Amino acid sequence: MEFTYRREGHKTFHEMLEAVERSVRSHGFDIVRRHDLQATLAAKGFEIQPLVVLDIAAPGASFDLCKMHVYAEGDIVWISAIRPLALWLELDNREDVSACEAEASVVSVVDAACS
C-alpha cells in the first residue's frame, strides 16, 4: 500500500488550496494547523514553489487524522494526504474499522477537492 494518496489538481495553486479547505470543512473535519512552508522559508531567504501542509482532525479530537499537502511541481498542482490506514498498519500492524473509515474519508476529501 502506498503511504500517501495523491491526485493532480486542475486549478491554480490558490484555487486548489481553497478547494481542499472547503472540502475538509464540508466533510465535517477541522483544519487544526496550516503550515505555509513557502512563506516560512521565504522569510529565511529560501525560495521554493508553493507548499502548504494542513493538519486535519475530527472536531474535538485529541489527535490529527492526517496531514494534507497542497503543492506545485512546475505547472502542476498536487494534493497528497498521508493515508490513515497505511499509518495505522505501520504503527499497529492490524487493520480496524476506524482506520478504514478514516481512510475512506481522507480519499473522499481529496477527490472532492479535485473535482
PDB file of N, CA and C in Angstrom:
ATOM      1  N   MET A   1       0.845  -1.188   0.000  1.00  0.00           N
ATOM      2  CA  MET A   1       0.000   0.000   0.000  1.00  0.00           C
ATOM      3  C   MET A   1       0.885   1.244   0.000  1.00  0.00           C
ATOM      4  N   GLU A   2       0.537   2.183  -0.849  1.00  0.00           N
ATOM      5  CA  GLU A   2       1.227   3.465  -0.864  1.00  0.00           C
ATOM      6  C   GLU A   2       0.972   4.205   0.452  1.00  0.00           C
ATOM      7  N   PHE A   3       1.961   4.917   0.942  1.00  0.00           N
ATOM      8  CA  PHE A   3       1.821   5.639   2.204  1.00  0.00           C
ATOM      9  C   PHE A   3       0.992   6.918   2.050  1.00  0.00           C
ATOM     10  N   THR A   4       0.936   7.438   0.814  1.00  0.00           N
ATOM     11  CA  THR A   4       0.146   8.646   0.567  1.00  0.00           C
ATOM     12  C   THR A   4      -0.860   8.412  -0.554  1.00  0.00           C
ATOM     13  N   TYR A   5      -1.909   9.200  -0.527  1.00  0.00           N
ATOM     14  CA  TYR A   5      -2.892   9.244  -1.615  1.00  0.00           C
ATOM     15  C   TYR A   5      -2.670  10.573  -2.307  1.00  0.00           C
ATOM     16  N   ARG A   6      -2.448  10.547  -3.622  1.00  0.00           N
ATOM     17  CA  ARG A   6      -2.082  11.762  -4.339  1.00  0.00           C
ATOM     18  C   ARG A   6      -2.908  11.898  -5.610  1.00  0.00           C
ATOM     19  N   ARG A   7      -3.374  13.138  -5.841  1.00  0.00           N
ATOM     20  CA  ARG A   7      -4.137  13.444  -7.052  1.00  0.00           C
ATOM     21  C   ARG A   7      -3.632  14.751  -7.648  1.00  0.00           C
ATOM     22  N   GLU A   8      -3.673  14.809  -8.959  1.00  0.00           N
ATOM     23  CA  GLU A   8      -3.324  16.035  -9.665  1.00  0.00           C
ATOM     24  C   GLU A   8      -4.544  16.933  -9.700  1.00  0.00           C
ATOM     25  N   GLY A   9      -4.337  18.201  -9.364  1.00  0.00           N
ATOM     26  CA  GLY A   9      -5.419  19.174  -9.433  1.00  0.00           C
ATOM     27  C   GLY A   9      -5.400  19.882 -10.772  1.00  0.00           C
ATOM     28  N   HIS A  10      -6.535  20.380 -11.189  1.00  0.00           N
ATOM     29  CA  HIS A  10      -6.624  21.073 -12.479  1.00  0.00           C
ATOM     30  C   HIS A  10      -7.074  22.506 -12.272  1.00  0.00           C
ATOM     31  N   LYS A  11      -6.504  23.118 -11.243  1.00  0.00           N
ATOM     32  CA  LYS A  11      -6.787  24.512 -10.903  1.00  0.00           C
ATOM     33  C   LYS A  11      -5.464  25.169 -10.562  1.00  0.00           C
ATOM     34  N   THR A  12      -5.487  26.480 -10.330  1.00  0.00           N
ATOM     35  CA  THR A  12      -4.277  27.153  -9.857  1.00  0.00           C
ATOM     36  C   THR A  12      -3.991  26.698  -8.427  1.00  0.00           C
ATOM     37  N   PHE A  13      -2.796  27.002  -7.951  1.00  0.00           N
ATOM     38  CA  PHE A  13      -2.437  26.611  -6.597  1.00  0.00           C
ATOM     39  C   PHE A  13      -3.437  27.170  -5.582  1.00  0.00           C
ATOM     40  N   HIS A  14      -3.731  28.465  -5.663  1.00  0.00           N
ATOM     41  CA  HIS A  14      -4.624  29.079  -4.676  1.00  0.00           C
ATOM     42  C   HIS A  14      -6.049  28.548  -4.794  1.00  0.00           C
ATOM     43  N   GLU A  15      -6.515  28.303  -5.995  1.00  0.00           N
ATOM     44  CA  GLU A  15      -7.847  27.708  -6.175  1.00  0.00           C
ATOM     45  C   GLU A  15      -7.890  26.298  -5.595  1.00  0.00           C
ATOM     46  N   MET A  16      -6.816  25.533  -5.785  1.00  0.00           N
ATOM     47  CA  MET A  16      -6.752  24.168  -5.258  1.00  0.00           C
ATOM     48  C   MET A  16      -6.726  24.181  -3.732  1.00  0.00           C
ATOM     49  N   LEU A  17      -5.943  25.094  -3.153  1.00  0.00           N
ATOM     50  CA  LEU A  17      -5.880  25.203  -1.700  1.00  0.00           C
ATOM     51  C   LEU A  17      -7.250  25.547  -1.123  1.00  0.00           C
ATOM     52  N   GLU A  18      -7.940  26.502  -1.744  1.00  0.00           N
ATOM     53  CA  GLU A  18      -9.290  26.858  -1.295  1.00  0.00           C
ATOM     54  C   GLU A  18     -10.242  25.678  -1.441  1.00  0.00           C
ATOM     55  N   ALA A  19     -10.127  24.921  -2.529  1.00  0.00           N
ATOM     56  CA  ALA A  19     -10.988  23.756  -2.748  1.00  0.00           C
ATOM     57  C   ALA A  19     -10.747  22.690  -1.682  1.00  0.00           C
ATOM     58  N   VAL A  20      -9.490  22.477  -1.313  1.00  0.00           N
ATOM     59  CA  VAL A  20      -9.172  21.499  -0.267  1.00  0.00           C
ATOM     60  C   VAL A  20      -9.752  21.955   1.070  1.00  0.00           C
ATOM     61  N   GLU A  21      -9.550  23.227   1.414  1.00  0.00           N
ATOM     62  CA  GLU A  21     -10.074  23.731   2.690  1.00  0.00           C
ATOM     63  C   GLU A  21     -11.601  23.618   2.737  1.00  0.00           C
ATOM     64  N   ARG A  22     -12.277  23.934   1.629  1.00  0.00           N
ATOM     65  CA  ARG A  22     -13.744  23.775   1.570  1.00  0.00           C
ATOM     66  C   ARG A  22     -14.144  22.308   1.720  1.00  0.00           C
ATOM     67  N   SER A  23     -13.428  21.438   1.037  1.00  0.00           N
ATOM     68  CA  SER A  23     -13.738  20.010   1.084  1.00  0.00           C
ATOM     69  C   SER A  23     -13.548  19.444   2.485  1.00  0.00           C
ATOM     70  N   VAL A  24     -12.481  19.863   3.150  1.00  0.00           N
ATOM     71  CA  VAL A  24     -12.239  19.407   4.531  1.00  0.00           C
ATOM     72  C   VAL A  24     -13.429  19.778   5.413  1.00  0.00           C
ATOM     73  N   ARG A  25     -13.858  21.045   5.342  1.00  0.00           N
ATOM     74  CA  ARG A  25     -14.977  21.501   6.177  1.00  0.00           C
ATOM     75  C   ARG A  25     -16.289  20.823   5.784  1.00  0.00           C
ATOM     76  N   SER A  26     -16.524  20.641   4.483  1.00  0.00           N
ATOM     77  CA  SER A  26     -17.786  20.027   4.049  1.00  0.00           C
ATOM     78  C   SER A  26     -17.869  18.552   4.430  1.00  0.00           C
ATOM     79  N   HIS A  27     -16.727  17.922   4.691  1.00  0.00           N
ATOM     80  CA  HIS A  27     -16.719  16.530   5.142  1.00  0.00           C
ATOM     81  C   HIS A  27     -16.722  16.428   6.673  1.00  0.00           C
ATOM     82  N   GLY A  28     -16.889  17.569   7.350  1.00  0.00           N
ATOM     83  CA  GLY A  28     -17.039  17.558   8.803  1.00  0.00           C
ATOM     84  C   GLY A  28     -15.747  17.549   9.588  1.00  0.00           C
ATOM     85  N   PHE A  29     -14.640  17.902   8.961  1.00  0.00           N
ATOM     86  CA  PHE A  29     -13.360  17.933   9.653  1.00  0.00           C
ATOM     87  C   PHE A  29     -12.916  19.369   9.887  1.00  0.00           C
ATOM     88  N   ASP A  30     -11.958  19.521  10.781  1.00  0.00           N
ATOM     89  CA  ASP A  30     -11.376  20.829  11.081  1.00  0.00           C
ATOM     90  C   ASP A  30      -9.937  20.875  10.570  1.00  0.00           C
ATOM     91  N   ILE A  31      -9.511  22.062  10.199  1.00  0.00           N
ATOM     92  CA  ILE A  31      -8.102  22.297   9.904  1.00  0.00           C
ATOM     93  C   ILE A  31      -7.492  22.820  11.195  1.00  0.00           C
ATOM     94  N   VAL A  32      -6.700  21.993  11.831  1.00  0.00           N
ATOM     95  CA  VAL A  32      -6.132  22.316  13.138  1.00  0.00           C
ATOM     96  C   VAL A  32      -4.977  23.311  12.998  1.00  0.00           C
ATOM     97  N   ARG A  33      -4.116  23.065  12.005  1.00  0.00           N
ATOM     98  CA  ARG A  33      -2.992  23.942  11.740  1.00  0.00           C
ATOM     99  C   ARG A  33      -2.781  24.048  10.237  1.00  0.00           C
ATOM    100  N   ARG A  34      -2.266  25.208   9.825  1.00  0.00           N
ATOM    101  CA  ARG A  34      -1.965  25.456   8.406  1.00  0.00           C
ATOM    102  C   ARG A  34      -0.529  25.940   8.336  1.00  0.00           C
ATOM    103  N   HIS A  35       0.322  25.173   7.676  1.00  0.00           N
ATOM    104  CA  HIS A  35       1.740  25.493   7.579  1.00  0.00           C
ATOM    105  C   HIS A  35       2.044  25.940   6.150  1.00  0.00           C
ATOM    106  N   ASP A  36       2.328  27.216   5.956  1.00  0.00           N
ATOM    107  CA  ASP A  36       2.705  27.733   4.648  1.00  0.00           C
ATOM    108  C   ASP A  36       4.227  27.690   4.574  1.00  0.00           C
ATOM    109  N   LEU A  37       4.746  26.580   4.073  1.00  0.00           N
ATOM    110  CA  LEU A  37       6.193  26.387   4.062  1.00  0.00           C
ATOM    111  C   LEU A  37       6.895  27.326   3.089  1.00  0.00           C
ATOM    112  N   GLN A  38       6.242  27.686   2.000  1.00  0.00           N
ATOM    113  CA  GLN A  38       6.843  28.637   1.071  1.00  0.00           C
ATOM    114  C   GLN A  38       7.080  29.979   1.770  1.00  0.00           C
ATOM    115  N   ALA A  39       6.085  30.471   2.502  1.00  0.00           N
ATOM    116  CA  ALA A  39       6.219  31.756   3.201  1.00  0.00           C
ATOM    117  C   ALA A  39       7.256  31.670   4.323  1.00  0.00           C
ATOM    118  N   THR A  40       7.242  30.578   5.068  1.00  0.00           N
ATOM    119  CA  THR A  40       8.189  30.407   6.169  1.00  0.00           C
ATOM    120  C   THR A  40       9.623  30.408   5.660  1.00  0.00           C
ATOM    121  N   LEU A  41       9.861  29.663   4.592  1.00  0.00           N
ATOM    122  CA  LEU A  41      11.216  29.593   4.052  1.00  0.00           C
ATOM    123  C   LEU A  41      11.621  30.888   3.354  1.00  0.00           C
ATOM    124  N   ALA A  42      10.667  31.578   2.714  1.00  0.00           N
ATOM    125  CA  ALA A  42      10.963  32.858   2.069  1.00  0.00           C
ATOM    126  C   ALA A  42      11.435  33.876   3.105  1.00  0.00           C
ATOM    127  N   ALA A  43      10.840  33.836   4.301  1.00  0.00           N
ATOM    128  CA  ALA A  43      11.242  34.757   5.361  1.00  0.00           C
ATOM    129  C   ALA A  43      12.679  34.505   5.816  1.00  0.00           C
ATOM    130  N   LYS A  44      13.187  33.308   5.520  1.00  0.00           N
ATOM    131  CA  LYS A  44      14.564  32.964   5.896  1.00  0.00           C
ATOM    132  C   LYS A  44      15.517  33.022   4.693  1.00  0.00           C
ATOM    133  N   GLY A  45      14.994  33.535   3.564  1.00  0.00           N
ATOM    134  CA  GLY A  45      15.839  33.721   2.397  1.00  0.00           C
ATOM    135  C   GLY A  45      15.864  32.570   1.406  1.00  0.00           C
ATOM    136  N   PHE A  46      14.991  31.580   1.589  1.00  0.00           N
ATOM    137  CA  PHE A  46      14.945  30.435   0.678  1.00  0.00           C
ATOM    138  C   PHE A  46      13.689  30.523  -0.174  1.00  0.00           C
ATOM    139  N   GLU A  47      13.814  30.243  -1.453  1.00  0.00           N
ATOM    140  CA  GLU A  47      12.652  30.268  -2.331  1.00  0.00           C
ATOM    141  C   GLU A  47      12.322  28.849  -2.790  1.00  0.00           C
ATOM    142  N   ILE A  48      11.063  28.471  -2.607  1.00  0.00           N
ATOM    143  CA  ILE A  48      10.566  27.190  -3.100  1.00  0.00           C
ATOM    144  C   ILE A  48       9.224  27.438  -3.770  1.00  0.00           C
ATOM    145  N   GLN A  49       8.753  26.447  -4.507  1.00  0.00           N
ATOM    146  CA  GLN A  49       7.425  26.557  -5.099  1.00  0.00           C
ATOM    147  C   GLN A  49       6.382  26.468  -3.984  1.00  0.00           C
ATOM    148  N   PRO A  50       5.134  26.868  -4.260  1.00  0.00           N
ATOM    149  CA  PRO A  50       4.095  26.847  -3.233  1.00  0.00           C
ATOM    150  C   PRO A  50       3.945  25.469  -2.580  1.00  0.00           C
ATOM    151  N   LEU A  51       3.859  25.469  -1.259  1.00  0.00           N
ATOM    152  CA  LEU A  51       3.681  24.248  -0.475  1.00  0.00           C
ATOM    153  C   LEU A  51       2.990  24.616   0.832  1.00  0.00           C
ATOM    154  N   VAL A  52       1.789  24.076   1.032  1.00  0.00           N
ATOM    155  CA  VAL A  52       1.045  24.275   2.274  1.00  0.00           C
ATOM    156  C   VAL A  52       0.687  22.903   2.831  1.00  0.00           C
ATOM    157  N   VAL A  53       0.924  22.711   4.127  1.00  0.00           N
ATOM    158  CA  VAL A  53       0.564  21.472   4.811  1.00  0.00           C
ATOM    159  C   VAL A  53      -0.563  21.794   5.779  1.00  0.00           C
ATOM    160  N   LEU A  54      -1.639  21.012   5.689  1.00  0.00           N
ATOM    161  CA  LEU A  54      -2.800  21.183   6.575  1.00  0.00           C
ATOM    162  C   LEU A  54      -2.885  20.002   7.521  1.00  0.00           C
ATOM    163  N   ASP A  55      -3.001  20.272   8.816  1.00  0.00           N
ATOM    164  CA  ASP A  55      -3.245  19.222   9.801  1.00  0.00           C
ATOM    165  C   ASP A  55      -4.757  19.105   9.951  1.00  0.00           C
ATOM    166  N   ILE A  56      -5.302  17.933   9.662  1.00  0.00           N
ATOM    167  CA  ILE A  56      -6.741  17.703   9.630  1.00  0.00           C
ATOM    168  C   ILE A  56      -7.145  16.826  10.814  1.00  0.00           C
ATOM    169  N   ALA A  57      -8.266  17.167  11.453  1.00  0.00           N
ATOM    170  CA  ALA A  57      -8.763  16.368  12.572  1.00  0.00           C
ATOM    171  C   ALA A  57     -10.280  16.428  12.615  1.00  0.00           C
ATOM    172  N   ALA A  58     -10.856  15.442  13.267  1.00  0.00           N
ATOM    173  CA  ALA A  58     -12.290  15.465  13.543  1.00  0.00           C
ATOM    174  C   ALA A  58     -12.517  16.512  14.629  1.00  0.00           C
ATOM    175  N   PRO A  59     -13.662  17.209  14.609  1.00  0.00           N
ATOM    176  CA  PRO A  59     -13.922  18.224  15.634  1.00  0.00           C
ATOM    177  C   PRO A  59     -13.788  17.636  17.046  1.00  0.00           C
ATOM    178  N   GLY A  60     -13.013  18.303  17.888  1.00  0.00           N
ATOM    179  CA  GLY A  60     -12.845  17.869  19.270  1.00  0.00           C
ATOM    180  C   GLY A  60     -11.890  16.703  19.461  1.00  0.00           C
ATOM    181  N   ALA A  61     -11.300  16.191  18.389  1.00  0.00           N
ATOM    182  CA  ALA A  61     -10.383  15.045  18.506  1.00  0.00           C
ATOM    183  C   ALA A  61      -9.083  15.479  19.168  1.00  0.00           C
ATOM    184  N   SER A  62      -8.466  14.547  19.864  1.00  0.00           N
ATOM    185  CA  SER A  62      -7.205  14.849  20.538  1.00  0.00           C
ATOM    186  C   SER A  62      -5.998  14.507  19.674  1.00  0.00           C
ATOM    187  N   PHE A  63      -6.233  14.041  18.453  1.00  0.00           N
ATOM    188  CA  PHE A  63      -5.135  13.721  17.551  1.00  0.00           C
ATOM    189  C   PHE A  63      -5.522  14.106  16.121  1.00  0.00           C
ATOM    190  N   ASP A  64      -4.523  14.341  15.292  1.00  0.00           N
ATOM    191  CA  ASP A  64      -4.769  14.675  13.892  1.00  0.00           C
ATOM    192  C   ASP A  64      -5.107  13.409  13.118  1.00  0.00           C
ATOM    193  N   LEU A  65      -6.095  13.510  12.244  1.00  0.00           N
ATOM    194  CA  LEU A  65      -6.448  12.399  11.372  1.00  0.00           C
ATOM    195  C   LEU A  65      -5.343  12.184  10.347  1.00  0.00           C
ATOM    196  N   CYS A  66      -4.889  13.272   9.769  1.00  0.00           N
ATOM    197  CA  CYS A  66      -3.809  13.170   8.778  1.00  0.00           C
ATOM    198  C   CYS A  66      -3.280  14.550   8.439  1.00  0.00           C
ATOM    199  N   LYS A  67      -2.268  14.553   7.610  1.00  0.00           N
ATOM    200  CA  LYS A  67      -1.726  15.785   7.056  1.00  0.00           C
ATOM    201  C   LYS A  67      -2.020  15.766   5.564  1.00  0.00           C
ATOM    202  N   MET A  68      -2.503  16.896   5.056  1.00  0.00           N
ATOM    203  CA  MET A  68      -2.735  17.040   3.629  1.00  0.00           C
ATOM    204  C   MET A  68      -1.765  18.081   3.107  1.00  0.00           C
ATOM    205  N   HIS A  69      -1.238  17.831   1.924  1.00  0.00           N
ATOM    206  CA  HIS A  69      -0.246  18.714   1.307  1.00  0.00           C
ATOM    207  C   HIS A  69      -0.811  19.221  -0.011  1.00  0.00           C
ATOM    208  N   VAL A  70      -0.739  20.510  -0.210  1.00  0.00           N
ATOM    209  CA  VAL A  70      -1.074  21.115  -1.499  1.00  0.00           C
ATOM    210  C   VAL A  70       0.222  21.764  -1.961  1.00  0.00           C
ATOM    211  N   TYR A  71       0.689  21.341  -3.125  1.00  0.00           N
ATOM    212  CA  TYR A  71       1.985  21.833  -3.578  1.00  0.00           C
ATOM    213  C   TYR A  71       2.059  21.868  -5.098  1.00  0.00           C
ATOM    214  N   ALA A  72       2.995  22.664  -5.576  1.00  0.00           N
ATOM    215  CA  ALA A  72       3.216  22.795  -7.016  1.00  0.00           C
ATOM    216  C   ALA A  72       4.537  22.137  -7.381  1.00  0.00           C
ATOM    217  N   GLU A  73       4.500  21.432  -8.497  1.00  0.00           N
ATOM    218  CA  GLU A  73       5.709  20.899  -9.128  1.00  0.00           C
ATOM    219  C   GLU A  73       5.672  21.404 -10.553  1.00  0.00           C
ATOM    220  N   GLY A  74       6.435  22.440 -10.835  1.00  0.00           N
ATOM    221  CA  GLY A  74       6.340  23.073 -12.153  1.00  0.00           C
ATOM    222  C   GLY A  74       4.972  23.715 -12.302  1.00  0.00           C
ATOM    223  N   ASP A  75       4.282  23.385 -13.369  1.00  0.00           N
ATOM    224  CA  ASP A  75       2.944  23.942 -13.616  1.00  0.00           C
ATOM    225  C   ASP A  75       1.823  23.061 -13.073  1.00  0.00           C
ATOM    226  N   ILE A  76       2.169  21.955 -12.429  1.00  0.00           N
ATOM    227  CA  ILE A  76       1.159  21.016 -11.924  1.00  0.00           C
ATOM    228  C   ILE A  76       0.972  21.226 -10.431  1.00  0.00           C
ATOM    229  N   VAL A  77      -0.292  21.261 -10.005  1.00  0.00           N
ATOM    230  CA  VAL A  77      -0.626  21.370  -8.585  1.00  0.00           C
ATOM    231  C   VAL A  77      -1.096  19.997  -8.115  1.00  0.00           C
ATOM    232  N   TRP A  78      -0.555  19.552  -7.014  1.00  0.00           N
ATOM    233  CA  TRP A  78      -0.881  18.236  -6.455  1.00  0.00           C
ATOM    234  C   TRP A  78      -1.516  18.385  -5.083  1.00  0.00           C
ATOM    235  N   ILE A  79      -2.356  17.430  -4.753  1.00  0.00           N
ATOM    236  CA  ILE A  79      -2.857  17.264  -3.388  1.00  0.00           C
ATOM    237  C   ILE A  79      -2.434  15.870  -2.968  1.00  0.00           C
ATOM    238  N   SER A  80      -1.818  15.780  -1.815  1.00  0.00           N
ATOM    239  CA  SER A  80      -1.498  14.458  -1.285  1.00  0.00           C
ATOM    240  C   SER A  80      -1.876  14.435   0.185  1.00  0.00           C
ATOM    241  N   ALA A  81      -2.162  13.241   0.647  1.00  0.00           N
ATOM    242  CA  ALA A  81      -2.523  13.056   2.056  1.00  0.00           C
ATOM    243  C   ALA A  81      -1.899  11.764   2.551  1.00  0.00           C
ATOM    244  N   ILE A  82      -1.434  11.793   3.772  1.00  0.00           N
ATOM    245  CA  ILE A  82      -0.950  10.563   4.389  1.00  0.00           C
ATOM    246  C   ILE A  82      -2.171   9.673   4.610  1.00  0.00           C
ATOM    247  N   ARG A  83      -2.079   8.448   4.133  1.00  0.00           N
ATOM    248  CA  ARG A  83      -3.209   7.511   4.237  1.00  0.00           C
ATOM    249  C   ARG A  83      -3.321   7.012   5.679  1.00  0.00           C
ATOM    250  N   PRO A  84      -4.446   7.284   6.361  1.00  0.00           N
ATOM    251  CA  PRO A  84      -4.598   6.821   7.739  1.00  0.00           C
ATOM    252  C   PRO A  84      -4.401   5.316   7.899  1.00  0.00           C
ATOM    253  N   LEU A  85      -4.917   4.540   6.951  1.00  0.00           N
ATOM    254  CA  LEU A  85      -4.791   3.087   7.065  1.00  0.00           C
ATOM    255  C   LEU A  85      -3.328   2.656   6.984  1.00  0.00           C
ATOM    256  N   ALA A  86      -2.571   3.239   6.088  1.00  0.00           N
ATOM    257  CA  ALA A  86      -1.145   2.899   5.978  1.00  0.00           C
ATOM    258  C   ALA A  86      -0.415   3.261   7.269  1.00  0.00           C
ATOM    259  N   LEU A  87      -0.755   4.404   7.845  1.00  0.00           N
ATOM    260  CA  LEU A  87      -0.117   4.819   9.095  1.00  0.00           C
ATOM    261  C   LEU A  87      -0.480   3.868  10.239  1.00  0.00           C
ATOM    262  N   TRP A  88      -1.781   3.527  10.340  1.00  0.00           N
ATOM    263  CA  TRP A  88      -2.212   2.597  11.391  1.00  0.00           C
ATOM    264  C   TRP A  88      -1.505   1.250  11.238  1.00  0.00           C
ATOM    265  N   LEU A  89      -1.423   0.743  10.026  1.00  0.00           N
ATOM    266  CA  LEU A  89      -0.771  -0.545   9.799  1.00  0.00           C
ATOM    267  C   LEU A  89       0.713  -0.479  10.149  1.00  0.00           C
ATOM    268  N   GLU A  90       1.335   0.651   9.864  1.00  0.00           N
ATOM    269  CA  GLU A  90       2.757   0.815  10.185  1.00  0.00           C
ATOM    270  C   GLU A  90       2.969   0.832  11.703  1.00  0.00           C
ATOM    271  N   LEU A  91       2.067   1.481  12.427  1.00  0.00           N
ATOM    272  CA  LEU A  91       2.217   1.625  13.872  1.00  0.00           C
ATOM    273  C   LEU A  91       1.691   0.427  14.659  1.00  0.00           C
ATOM    274  N   ASP A  92       0.637  -0.202  14.142  1.00  0.00           N
ATOM    275  CA  ASP A  92      -0.077  -1.194  14.935  1.00  0.00           C
ATOM    276  C   ASP A  92      -0.091  -2.586  14.309  1.00  0.00           C
ATOM    277  N   ASN A  93       0.197  -2.700  13.041  1.00  0.00           N
ATOM    278  CA  ASN A  93       0.198  -3.976  12.323  1.00  0.00           C
ATOM    279  C   ASN A  93      -1.164  -4.659  12.235  1.00  0.00           C
ATOM    280  N   ARG A  94      -2.239  -3.916  12.443  1.00  0.00           N
ATOM    281  CA  ARG A  94      -3.561  -4.507  12.253  1.00  0.00           C
ATOM    282  C   ARG A  94      -4.506  -3.463  11.696  1.00  0.00           C
ATOM    283  N   GLU A  95      -5.464  -3.951  10.980  1.00  0.00           N
ATOM    284  CA  GLU A  95      -6.444  -3.087  10.340  1.00  0.00           C
ATOM    285  C   GLU A  95      -7.694  -3.088  11.219  1.00  0.00           C
ATOM    286  N   ASP A  96      -8.274  -1.912  11.448  1.00  0.00           N
ATOM    287  CA  ASP A  96      -9.536  -1.879  12.186  1.00  0.00           C
ATOM    288  C   ASP A  96     -10.527  -0.973  11.466  1.00  0.00           C
ATOM    289  N   VAL A  97     -11.760  -1.006  11.938  1.00  0.00           N
ATOM    290  CA  VAL A  97     -12.846  -0.284  11.265  1.00  0.00           C
ATOM    291  C   VAL A  97     -12.587   1.218  11.259  1.00  0.00           C
ATOM    292  N   SER A  98     -12.133   1.794  12.361  1.00  0.00           N
ATOM    293  CA  SER A  98     -11.927   3.242  12.411  1.00  0.00           C
ATOM    294  C   SER A  98     -10.850   3.678  11.415  1.00  0.00           C
ATOM    295  N   ALA A  99      -9.815   2.862  11.248  1.00  0.00           N
ATOM    296  CA  ALA A  99      -8.766   3.191  10.279  1.00  0.00           C
ATOM    297  C   ALA A  99      -9.325   3.150   8.864  1.00  0.00           C
ATOM    298  N   CYS A 100     -10.144   2.174   8.561  1.00  0.00           N
ATOM    299  CA  CYS A 100     -10.743   2.064   7.222  1.00  0.00           C
ATOM    300  C   CYS A 100     -11.696   3.221   6.957  1.00  0.00           C
ATOM    301  N   GLU A 101     -12.470   3.610   7.965  1.00  0.00           N
ATOM    302  CA  GLU A 101     -13.383   4.748   7.806  1.00  0.00           C
ATOM    303  C   GLU A 101     -12.600   6.046   7.614  1.00  0.00           C
ATOM    304  N   ALA A 102     -11.531   6.220   8.368  1.00  0.00           N
ATOM    305  CA  ALA A 102     -10.692   7.419   8.220  1.00  0.00           C
ATOM    306  C   ALA A 102     -10.074   7.453   6.830  1.00  0.00           C
ATOM    307  N   GLU A 103      -9.623   6.308   6.353  1.00  0.00           N
ATOM    308  CA  GLU A 103      -9.040   6.217   5.007  1.00  0.00           C
ATOM    309  C   GLU A 103     -10.056   6.648   3.952  1.00  0.00           C
ATOM    310  N   ALA A 104     -11.266   6.142   4.046  1.00  0.00           N
ATOM    311  CA  ALA A 104     -12.317   6.487   3.083  1.00  0.00           C
ATOM    312  C   ALA A 104     -12.629   7.981   3.134  1.00  0.00           C
ATOM    313  N   SER A 105     -12.639   8.556   4.322  1.00  0.00           N
ATOM    314  CA  SER A 105     -12.916   9.985   4.474  1.00  0.00           C
ATOM    315  C   SER A 105     -11.826  10.835   3.839  1.00  0.00           C
ATOM    316  N   VAL A 106     -10.580  10.479   4.056  1.00  0.00           N
ATOM    317  CA  VAL A 106      -9.459  11.244   3.507  1.00  0.00           C
ATOM    318  C   VAL A 106      -9.482  11.187   1.977  1.00  0.00           C
ATOM    319  N   VAL A 107      -9.697  10.007   1.426  1.00  0.00           N
ATOM    320  CA  VAL A 107      -9.764   9.861  -0.033  1.00  0.00           C
ATOM    321  C   VAL A 107     -10.922  10.700  -0.588  1.00  0.00           C
ATOM    322  N   SER A 108     -12.044  10.689   0.108  1.00  0.00           N
ATOM    323  CA  SER A 108     -13.210  11.457  -0.331  1.00  0.00           C
ATOM    324  C   SER A 108     -12.924  12.959  -0.305  1.00  0.00           C
ATOM    325  N   VAL A 109     -12.239  13.445   0.705  1.00  0.00           N
ATOM    326  CA  VAL A 109     -11.895  14.876   0.791  1.00  0.00           C
ATOM    327  C   VAL A 109     -11.017  15.281  -0.398  1.00  0.00           C
ATOM    328  N   VAL A 110      -9.983  14.489  -0.673  1.00  0.00           N
ATOM    329  CA  VAL A 110      -9.067  14.792  -1.773  1.00  0.00           C
ATOM    330  C   VAL A 110      -9.798  14.733  -3.109  1.00  0.00           C
ATOM    331  N   ASP A 111     -10.578  13.671  -3.310  1.00  0.00           N
ATOM    332  CA  ASP A 111     -11.310  13.529  -4.582  1.00  0.00           C
ATOM    333  C   ASP A 111     -12.281  14.667  -4.804  1.00  0.00           C
ATOM    334  N   ALA A 112     -12.985  15.086  -3.757  1.00  0.00           N
ATOM    335  CA  ALA A 112     -13.949  16.180  -3.885  1.00  0.00           C
ATOM    336  C   ALA A 112     -13.248  17.491  -4.251  1.00  0.00           C
ATOM    337  N   ALA A 113     -12.088  17.725  -3.665  1.00  0.00           N
ATOM    338  CA  ALA A 113     -11.360  18.950  -3.962  1.00  0.00           C
ATOM    339  C   ALA A 113     -10.870  18.972  -5.412  1.00  0.00           C
ATOM    340  N   CYS A 114     -10.599  17.805  -5.961  1.00  0.00           N
ATOM    341  CA  CYS A 114     -10.080  17.713  -7.330  1.00  0.00           C
ATOM    342  C   CYS A 114     -11.184  17.740  -8.382  1.00  0.00           C
ATOM    343  N   SER A 115     -12.416  17.584  -7.963  1.00  0.00           N
ATOM    344  CA  SER A 115     -13.494  17.533  -8.970  1.00  0.00           C
ATOM    345  C   SER A 115     -14.011  18.912  -9.324  1.00  0.00           C
TER     346      SER A 115
END
